[in-house]
Amino acid sequence: MRSPAIAKPAVFILAAIAAGCLAASAVAQPASHEGEIPQSLSVEHQDTLDQLANLGQRHGPVGAEARKALELFKRHLARENAFILPPLTLLPYLADGKVTPDMKWAIAMADRVKAEREQIFQEHTQITDAMNALAAAARQAHDAEALAFARSAVTDSLNDSEIAEPLAIVIGDYVKLKLQTGQ
């Protein structure tokens, strides 16, 4: 059996090797692809759908409101995954000053976000309305979990409107400018 003093250097060596391999693979990978979305948002979306599905299994008004909201969220997340969120995968590259012609796809997506801003806004309004209905049902049922979820979902929707959607547009415009000027 090894003593803890001997095992620690071995752990640090393994960690350093793993970190080096991760860094090398990150450098070797091309810029994000058109259909990808940031992994953190993918996990968040799945968590939202799972929570709504679980709430939807409840009897009474909380379950009914959650089931209605689930369909609304599915439609909106499909739109986000199609063209709003993929440009965000380019942020690490742009932060490093890297703009390449293979990023051109983000321009078309940003243009689509611009063109569909009113529809996207309406979806966020519907999400807020649905979460208000879920919150009201949750308060009536004294369901703290459903109420907390409804509040969190409204915050996420607001984050999309205030940050993710404008950022997708800025990314597309930035990529377009850099490709036009050859910088």
C-alpha atoms as a PDB file:
ATOM      1  CA  MET A   1       0.000   0.000   0.000  1.00  0.00           C
ATOM      2  CA  ARG A   2       1.346   3.427  -0.963  1.00  0.00           C
ATOM      3  CA  SER A   3       1.575   6.215   1.500  1.00  0.00           C
ATOM      4  CA  PRO A   4      -0.485   9.343   0.800  1.00  0.00           C
ATOM      5  CA  ALA A   5       2.708  11.350   0.285  1.00  0.00           C
ATOM      6  CA  ILE A   6       3.752   9.090  -2.601  1.00  0.00           C
ATOM      7  CA  ALA A   7       0.299   8.889  -4.172  1.00  0.00           C
ATOM      8  CA  LYS A   8      -0.151  12.668  -4.431  1.00  0.00           C
ATOM      9  CA  PRO A   9       2.645  13.256  -6.967  1.00  0.00           C
ATOM     10  CA  ALA A  10       1.265  10.432  -9.117  1.00  0.00           C
ATOM     11  CA  VAL A  11      -2.175  12.058  -9.074  1.00  0.00           C
ATOM     12  CA  PHE A  12      -0.676  15.396 -10.075  1.00  0.00           C
ATOM     13  CA  ILE A  13       1.260  13.787 -12.916  1.00  0.00           C
ATOM     14  CA  LEU A  14      -1.879  12.045 -14.218  1.00  0.00           C
ATOM     15  CA  ALA A  15      -3.835  15.292 -13.936  1.00  0.00           C
ATOM     16  CA  ALA A  16      -1.140  17.165 -15.859  1.00  0.00           C
ATOM     17  CA  ILE A  17      -1.117  14.544 -18.617  1.00  0.00           C
ATOM     18  CA  ALA A  18      -4.912  14.653 -18.868  1.00  0.00           C
ATOM     19  CA  ALA A  19      -4.903  18.442 -18.987  1.00  0.00           C
ATOM     20  CA  GLY A  20      -2.279  18.390 -21.712  1.00  0.00           C
ATOM     21  CA  CYS A  21      -4.322  15.940 -23.764  1.00  0.00           C
ATOM     22  CA  LEU A  22      -7.448  18.068 -23.357  1.00  0.00           C
ATOM     23  CA  ALA A  23      -5.587  21.213 -24.358  1.00  0.00           C
ATOM     24  CA  ALA A  24      -4.100  19.511 -27.400  1.00  0.00           C
ATOM     25  CA  SER A  25      -7.476  18.192 -28.530  1.00  0.00           C
ATOM     26  CA  ALA A  26      -9.064  21.630 -28.062  1.00  0.00           C
ATOM     27  CA  VAL A  27      -6.401  23.208 -30.262  1.00  0.00           C
ATOM     28  CA  ALA A  28      -6.751  20.539 -32.943  1.00  0.00           C
ATOM     29  CA  GLN A  29     -10.534  20.866 -33.232  1.00  0.00           C
ATOM     30  CA  PRO A  30     -12.042  23.141 -35.873  1.00  0.00           C
ATOM     31  CA  ALA A  31     -14.452  25.929 -34.997  1.00  0.00           C
ATOM     32  CA  SER A  32     -17.893  24.898 -33.826  1.00  0.00           C
ATOM     33  CA  HIS A  33     -20.261  23.491 -36.358  1.00  0.00           C
ATOM     34  CA  GLU A  34     -23.543  24.921 -37.510  1.00  0.00           C
ATOM     35  CA  GLY A  35     -25.839  22.529 -35.654  1.00  0.00           C
ATOM     36  CA  GLU A  36     -24.154  22.640 -32.264  1.00  0.00           C
ATOM     37  CA  ILE A  37     -25.285  24.624 -29.256  1.00  0.00           C
ATOM     38  CA  PRO A  38     -23.292  25.345 -26.106  1.00  0.00           C
ATOM     39  CA  GLN A  39     -23.278  22.235 -23.938  1.00  0.00           C
ATOM     40  CA  SER A  40     -24.353  24.165 -20.836  1.00  0.00           C
ATOM     41  CA  LEU A  41     -27.490  25.321 -22.641  1.00  0.00           C
ATOM     42  CA  SER A  42     -28.208  21.843 -23.947  1.00  0.00           C
ATOM     43  CA  VAL A  43     -28.083  20.489 -20.397  1.00  0.00           C
ATOM     44  CA  GLU A  44     -30.240  23.369 -19.157  1.00  0.00           C
ATOM     45  CA  HIS A  45     -32.832  22.745 -21.885  1.00  0.00           C
ATOM     46  CA  GLN A  46     -33.043  19.054 -21.069  1.00  0.00           C
ATOM     47  CA  ASP A  47     -33.403  19.858 -17.382  1.00  0.00           C
ATOM     48  CA  THR A  48     -36.246  22.284 -18.151  1.00  0.00           C
ATOM     49  CA  LEU A  49     -38.058  19.705 -20.265  1.00  0.00           C
ATOM     50  CA  ASP A  50     -37.546  17.024 -17.623  1.00  0.00           C
ATOM     51  CA  GLN A  51     -38.858  19.262 -14.852  1.00  0.00           C
ATOM     52  CA  LEU A  52     -41.910  20.238 -16.888  1.00  0.00           C
ATOM     53  CA  ALA A  53     -42.576  16.594 -17.753  1.00  0.00           C
ATOM     54  CA  ASN A  54     -42.368  15.658 -14.076  1.00  0.00           C
ATOM     55  CA  LEU A  55     -44.662  18.523 -13.076  1.00  0.00           C
ATOM     56  CA  GLY A  56     -46.998  17.510 -15.890  1.00  0.00           C
ATOM     57  CA  GLN A  57     -47.517  14.121 -14.271  1.00  0.00           C
ATOM     58  CA  ARG A  58     -49.183  15.767 -11.289  1.00  0.00           C
ATOM     59  CA  HIS A  59     -52.926  15.772 -10.971  1.00  0.00           C
ATOM     60  CA  GLY A  60     -54.880  18.989 -10.913  1.00  0.00           C
ATOM     61  CA  PRO A  61     -54.124  22.467 -12.172  1.00  0.00           C
ATOM     62  CA  VAL A  62     -50.338  22.266 -11.659  1.00  0.00           C
ATOM     63  CA  GLY A  63     -50.104  19.220 -13.930  1.00  0.00           C
ATOM     64  CA  ALA A  64     -52.445  20.730 -16.515  1.00  0.00           C
ATOM     65  CA  GLU A  65     -50.484  23.985 -16.701  1.00  0.00           C
ATOM     66  CA  ALA A  66     -47.162  22.140 -16.867  1.00  0.00           C
ATOM     67  CA  ARG A  67     -48.390  19.963 -19.750  1.00  0.00           C
ATOM     68  CA  LYS A  68     -49.488  23.051 -21.698  1.00  0.00           C
ATOM     69  CA  ALA A  69     -46.164  24.753 -20.997  1.00  0.00           C
ATOM     70  CA  LEU A  70     -44.182  21.679 -22.051  1.00  0.00           C
ATOM     71  CA  GLU A  71     -45.436  21.874 -25.633  1.00  0.00           C
ATOM     72  CA  LEU A  72     -44.705  25.603 -25.741  1.00  0.00           C
ATOM     73  CA  PHE A  73     -41.170  25.058 -24.436  1.00  0.00           C
ATOM     74  CA  LYS A  74     -40.508  22.269 -26.932  1.00  0.00           C
ATOM     75  CA  ARG A  75     -41.442  24.552 -29.847  1.00  0.00           C
ATOM     76  CA  HIS A  76     -39.362  27.422 -28.531  1.00  0.00           C
ATOM     77  CA  LEU A  77     -36.316  25.280 -27.758  1.00  0.00           C
ATOM     78  CA  ALA A  78     -36.465  23.837 -31.267  1.00  0.00           C
ATOM     79  CA  ARG A  79     -36.256  27.395 -32.626  1.00  0.00           C
ATOM     80  CA  GLU A  80     -33.378  28.250 -30.283  1.00  0.00           C
ATOM     81  CA  ASN A  81     -31.484  25.093 -31.234  1.00  0.00           C
ATOM     82  CA  ALA A  82     -32.052  25.705 -34.941  1.00  0.00           C
ATOM     83  CA  PHE A  83     -30.563  29.181 -35.247  1.00  0.00           C
ATOM     84  CA  ILE A  84     -30.406  31.288 -32.070  1.00  0.00           C
ATOM     85  CA  LEU A  85     -27.923  29.339 -29.956  1.00  0.00           C
ATOM     86  CA  PRO A  86     -25.463  27.794 -32.451  1.00  0.00           C
ATOM     87  CA  PRO A  87     -23.618  31.118 -33.011  1.00  0.00           C
ATOM     88  CA  LEU A  88     -22.859  31.210 -29.283  1.00  0.00           C
ATOM     89  CA  THR A  89     -20.538  28.210 -29.748  1.00  0.00           C
ATOM     90  CA  LEU A  90     -18.176  30.545 -31.579  1.00  0.00           C
ATOM     91  CA  LEU A  91     -17.592  32.765 -28.538  1.00  0.00           C
ATOM     92  CA  PRO A  92     -14.406  31.018 -27.323  1.00  0.00           C
ATOM     93  CA  TYR A  93     -12.868  31.382 -30.789  1.00  0.00           C
ATOM     94  CA  LEU A  94     -13.935  35.006 -31.151  1.00  0.00           C
ATOM     95  CA  ALA A  95     -12.583  35.771 -27.678  1.00  0.00           C
ATOM     96  CA  ASP A  96      -9.222  34.435 -28.904  1.00  0.00           C
ATOM     97  CA  GLY A  97      -9.438  36.712 -31.950  1.00  0.00           C
ATOM     98  CA  LYS A  98     -10.057  33.844 -34.372  1.00  0.00           C
ATOM     99  CA  VAL A  99     -12.489  34.374 -37.234  1.00  0.00           C
ATOM    100  CA  THR A 100     -12.327  31.974 -40.159  1.00  0.00           C
ATOM    101  CA  PRO A 101     -14.413  31.536 -43.308  1.00  0.00           C
ATOM    102  CA  ASP A 102     -15.895  28.298 -41.918  1.00  0.00           C
ATOM    103  CA  MET A 103     -17.775  30.468 -39.392  1.00  0.00           C
ATOM    104  CA  LYS A 104     -19.840  32.085 -42.132  1.00  0.00           C
ATOM    105  CA  TRP A 105     -22.875  29.985 -41.167  1.00  0.00           C
ATOM    106  CA  ALA A 106     -23.308  32.180 -38.077  1.00  0.00           C
ATOM    107  CA  ILE A 107     -24.088  35.188 -40.287  1.00  0.00           C
ATOM    108  CA  ALA A 108     -27.155  33.532 -41.806  1.00  0.00           C
ATOM    109  CA  MET A 109     -28.364  32.448 -38.377  1.00  0.00           C
ATOM    110  CA  ALA A 110     -27.917  35.941 -36.960  1.00  0.00           C
ATOM    111  CA  ASP A 111     -29.826  37.378 -39.889  1.00  0.00           C
ATOM    112  CA  ARG A 112     -32.643  34.942 -39.183  1.00  0.00           C
ATOM    113  CA  VAL A 113     -32.701  36.010 -35.509  1.00  0.00           C
ATOM    114  CA  LYS A 114     -33.031  39.621 -36.690  1.00  0.00           C
ATOM    115  CA  ALA A 115     -35.798  38.723 -39.116  1.00  0.00           C
ATOM    116  CA  GLU A 116     -37.778  36.716 -36.564  1.00  0.00           C
ATOM    117  CA  ARG A 117     -37.296  38.952 -33.506  1.00  0.00           C
ATOM    118  CA  GLU A 118     -41.007  39.738 -33.219  1.00  0.00           C
ATOM    119  CA  GLN A 119     -41.984  36.055 -33.344  1.00  0.00           C
ATOM    120  CA  ILE A 120     -39.302  35.202 -30.817  1.00  0.00           C
ATOM    121  CA  PHE A 121     -40.532  37.997 -28.535  1.00  0.00           C
ATOM    122  CA  GLN A 122     -44.077  36.656 -28.813  1.00  0.00           C
ATOM    123  CA  GLU A 123     -42.860  33.183 -27.813  1.00  0.00           C
ATOM    124  CA  HIS A 124     -41.162  34.635 -24.745  1.00  0.00           C
ATOM    125  CA  THR A 125     -44.385  36.441 -23.879  1.00  0.00           C
ATOM    126  CA  GLN A 126     -46.277  33.147 -24.182  1.00  0.00           C
ATOM    127  CA  ILE A 127     -43.677  31.425 -21.984  1.00  0.00           C
ATOM    128  CA  THR A 128     -44.049  34.149 -19.348  1.00  0.00           C
ATOM    129  CA  ASP A 129     -47.834  33.826 -19.484  1.00  0.00           C
ATOM    130  CA  ALA A 130     -47.586  30.040 -19.166  1.00  0.00           C
ATOM    131  CA  MET A 131     -45.218  30.308 -16.218  1.00  0.00           C
ATOM    132  CA  ASN A 132     -47.509  32.866 -14.559  1.00  0.00           C
ATOM    133  CA  ALA A 133     -50.369  30.372 -14.941  1.00  0.00           C
ATOM    134  CA  LEU A 134     -48.188  27.586 -13.528  1.00  0.00           C
ATOM    135  CA  ALA A 135     -47.129  29.841 -10.630  1.00  0.00           C
ATOM    136  CA  ALA A 136     -50.755  30.697  -9.851  1.00  0.00           C
ATOM    137  CA  ALA A 137     -51.705  27.000  -9.868  1.00  0.00           C
ATOM    138  CA  ALA A 138     -48.664  26.216  -7.709  1.00  0.00           C
ATOM    139  CA  ARG A 139     -49.572  28.892  -5.161  1.00  0.00           C
ATOM    140  CA  GLN A 140     -53.132  27.583  -5.029  1.00  0.00           C
ATOM    141  CA  ALA A 141     -51.847  24.021  -4.501  1.00  0.00           C
ATOM    142  CA  HIS A 142     -49.113  25.129  -2.060  1.00  0.00           C
ATOM    143  CA  ASP A 143     -46.584  23.513  -4.403  1.00  0.00           C
ATOM    144  CA  ALA A 144     -43.245  25.191  -3.651  1.00  0.00           C
ATOM    145  CA  GLU A 145     -41.342  23.102  -6.226  1.00  0.00           C
ATOM    146  CA  ALA A 146     -43.628  24.097  -9.097  1.00  0.00           C
ATOM    147  CA  LEU A 147     -43.584  27.735  -7.990  1.00  0.00           C
ATOM    148  CA  ALA A 148     -39.777  27.793  -7.864  1.00  0.00           C
ATOM    149  CA  PHE A 149     -39.591  26.203 -11.308  1.00  0.00           C
ATOM    150  CA  ALA A 150     -42.007  28.755 -12.800  1.00  0.00           C
ATOM    151  CA  ARG A 151     -39.955  31.647 -11.418  1.00  0.00           C
ATOM    152  CA  SER A 152     -36.724  30.129 -12.689  1.00  0.00           C
ATOM    153  CA  ALA A 153     -38.181  29.514 -16.157  1.00  0.00           C
ATOM    154  CA  VAL A 154     -39.267  33.147 -16.457  1.00  0.00           C
ATOM    155  CA  THR A 155     -35.743  34.232 -15.518  1.00  0.00           C
ATOM    156  CA  ASP A 156     -34.278  31.923 -18.185  1.00  0.00           C
ATOM    157  CA  SER A 157     -36.687  33.316 -20.764  1.00  0.00           C
ATOM    158  CA  LEU A 158     -35.690  36.854 -19.844  1.00  0.00           C
ATOM    159  CA  ASN A 159     -32.025  35.866 -20.127  1.00  0.00           C
ATOM    160  CA  ASP A 160     -32.697  34.631 -23.660  1.00  0.00           C
ATOM    161  CA  SER A 161     -34.313  37.945 -24.623  1.00  0.00           C
ATOM    162  CA  GLU A 162     -31.727  40.148 -22.955  1.00  0.00           C
ATOM    163  CA  ILE A 163     -28.538  38.207 -23.652  1.00  0.00           C
ATOM    164  CA  ALA A 164     -28.625  35.114 -25.890  1.00  0.00           C
ATOM    165  CA  GLU A 165     -30.623  36.508 -28.807  1.00  0.00           C
ATOM    166  CA  PRO A 166     -28.832  39.886 -29.020  1.00  0.00           C
ATOM    167  CA  LEU A 167     -25.508  38.086 -28.606  1.00  0.00           C
ATOM    168  CA  ALA A 168     -26.293  35.776 -31.538  1.00  0.00           C
ATOM    169  CA  ILE A 169     -26.896  38.881 -33.669  1.00  0.00           C
ATOM    170  CA  VAL A 170     -23.681  40.544 -32.491  1.00  0.00           C
ATOM    171  CA  ILE A 171     -21.702  37.372 -33.241  1.00  0.00           C
ATOM    172  CA  GLY A 172     -23.087  37.190 -36.776  1.00  0.00           C
ATOM    173  CA  ASP A 173     -22.400  40.865 -37.399  1.00  0.00           C
ATOM    174  CA  TYR A 174     -18.878  40.536 -35.984  1.00  0.00           C
ATOM    175  CA  VAL A 175     -18.061  37.496 -38.107  1.00  0.00           C
ATOM    176  CA  LYS A 176     -19.448  39.285 -41.193  1.00  0.00           C
ATOM    177  CA  LEU A 177     -17.365  42.394 -40.502  1.00  0.00           C
ATOM    178  CA  LYS A 178     -14.170  40.440 -39.874  1.00  0.00           C
ATOM    179  CA  LEU A 179     -14.623  38.314 -43.004  1.00  0.00           C
ATOM    180  CA  GLN A 180     -15.362  41.398 -45.140  1.00  0.00           C
ATOM    181  CA  THR A 181     -12.340  43.294 -43.883  1.00  0.00           C
ATOM    182  CA  GLY A 182     -10.089  40.229 -43.903  1.00  0.00           C
ATOM    183  CA  GLN A 183      -8.963  40.789 -40.321  1.00  0.00           C
END
